[in-house]
Amino acid sequence: MYGLIGKMRAVSGKRGELAAILLEGTDAMPGCRVYIVAEDAKEADALWITEVWDGASFHAASLKLPAVQDAIKRGRPLIAGFESQVELRPVGGVGLTKG
């Protein structure tokens, strides 16, 4: 498995709109086991995105899907910046079945 956790900063006042765009069409991404968009509880414009994939190749392929390309195009103007991203090897947990 392959995982990513990243922190994204939205343009001031646009976090909810950006989160909604990021969540559109996420049910049709082959190889995606987990895709969670969360609002930071202390920073008004920050979002955390947690992803678990069957492998890195599935994540890379998702970036070419029309729905994802559309979300990137619509979301880009609402993004103020990316603060951090880490790659992980998930090993299991509640809600995550082994492949």
Protein backbone atom coordinates (compact mmCIF):
# COMPACT_ATOMS: atom_id res chain seq x y z
CA MET A 1 0.00 0.00 0.00
CA TYR A 2 0.94 3.62 -0.54
CA GLY A 3 -0.18 6.60 1.54
CA LEU A 4 0.04 10.35 1.53
CA ILE A 5 -0.81 12.95 4.13
CA GLY A 6 -0.61 16.58 3.12
CA LYS A 7 -1.47 20.00 4.46
CA MET A 8 -2.92 22.52 2.05
CA ARG A 9 -3.76 26.16 2.70
CA ALA A 10 -6.81 27.67 1.02
CA VAL A 11 -7.19 31.27 -0.02
CA SER A 12 -8.66 33.11 2.96
CA GLY A 13 -12.35 32.32 3.34
CA LYS A 14 -12.38 29.65 0.60
CA ARG A 15 -11.58 26.51 2.64
CA GLY A 16 -15.12 25.07 2.48
CA GLU A 17 -15.37 25.65 -1.26
CA LEU A 18 -11.97 24.04 -1.85
CA ALA A 19 -12.85 21.05 0.34
CA ALA A 20 -16.06 20.51 -1.62
CA ILE A 21 -14.17 20.50 -4.92
CA LEU A 22 -11.57 18.06 -3.57
CA LEU A 23 -14.32 15.65 -2.50
CA GLU A 24 -16.17 15.60 -5.84
CA GLY A 25 -15.76 12.40 -7.82
CA THR A 26 -13.55 10.68 -5.25
CA ASP A 27 -15.72 7.55 -5.27
CA ALA A 28 -14.50 6.63 -8.76
CA MET A 29 -10.73 6.42 -8.29
CA PRO A 30 -9.46 2.88 -8.95
CA GLY A 31 -7.08 1.62 -6.28
CA CYS A 32 -8.09 4.28 -3.74
CA ARG A 33 -8.87 2.82 -0.32
CA VAL A 34 -9.04 6.04 1.69
CA TYR A 35 -9.42 9.68 0.66
CA ILE A 36 -10.21 12.01 3.54
CA VAL A 37 -10.34 15.79 3.44
CA ALA A 38 -10.32 17.34 6.92
CA GLU A 39 -10.48 20.91 8.15
CA ASP A 40 -7.73 21.89 10.57
CA ALA A 41 -9.37 22.58 13.93
CA LYS A 42 -7.06 25.51 14.76
CA GLU A 43 -6.13 27.08 11.41
CA ALA A 44 -9.09 28.60 9.57
CA ASP A 45 -7.70 28.16 6.05
CA ALA A 46 -5.88 24.82 6.42
CA LEU A 47 -6.98 21.43 5.09
CA TRP A 48 -5.39 18.01 5.62
CA ILE A 49 -5.73 15.35 2.92
CA THR A 50 -5.14 11.72 3.88
CA GLU A 51 -4.91 9.12 1.11
CA VAL A 52 -4.32 5.36 1.00
CA TRP A 53 -3.84 3.62 -2.34
CA ASP A 54 -3.18 0.04 -3.46
CA GLY A 55 0.13 1.39 -4.79
CA ALA A 56 1.86 4.57 -5.94
CA SER A 57 0.96 3.79 -9.55
CA PHE A 58 -2.76 4.02 -8.70
CA HIS A 59 -2.22 7.47 -7.19
CA ALA A 60 -0.29 8.61 -10.27
CA ALA A 61 -3.01 7.24 -12.57
CA SER A 62 -5.72 9.06 -10.59
CA LEU A 63 -4.17 12.39 -11.50
CA LYS A 64 -5.02 11.68 -15.15
CA LEU A 65 -8.72 10.94 -14.56
CA PRO A 66 -11.06 13.54 -16.13
CA ALA A 67 -12.89 14.18 -12.83
CA VAL A 68 -9.60 14.73 -11.01
CA GLN A 69 -8.24 16.96 -13.77
CA ASP A 70 -11.43 19.03 -13.57
CA ALA A 71 -11.15 19.30 -9.77
CA ILE A 72 -7.52 20.43 -10.08
CA LYS A 73 -8.49 23.07 -12.64
CA ARG A 74 -11.35 24.43 -10.51
CA GLY A 75 -9.51 24.13 -7.20
CA ARG A 76 -6.16 25.66 -8.20
CA PRO A 77 -7.34 29.31 -7.87
CA LEU A 78 -8.53 28.54 -4.31
CA ILE A 79 -5.18 27.15 -3.14
CA ALA A 80 -2.87 29.55 -1.33
CA GLY A 81 -0.14 26.95 -0.92
CA PHE A 82 1.02 23.51 0.15
CA GLU A 83 2.72 23.31 3.52
CA SER A 84 3.79 19.71 3.85
CA GLN A 85 3.40 16.25 2.38
CA VAL A 86 4.65 12.89 3.58
CA GLU A 87 4.62 9.51 1.86
CA LEU A 88 3.76 6.47 3.95
CA ARG A 89 3.41 2.67 3.81
CA PRO A 90 0.11 1.98 5.60
CA VAL A 91 0.04 -1.37 7.36
CA GLY A 92 -3.59 -1.44 8.57
CA GLY A 93 -6.05 0.07 10.98
CA VAL A 94 -9.75 0.54 11.61
CA GLY A 95 -11.56 0.84 8.30
CA LEU A 96 -8.58 -0.24 6.21
CA THR A 97 -8.74 -3.78 4.87
CA LYS A 98 -5.64 -5.62 3.77
CA GLY A 99 -5.28 -6.09 0.02
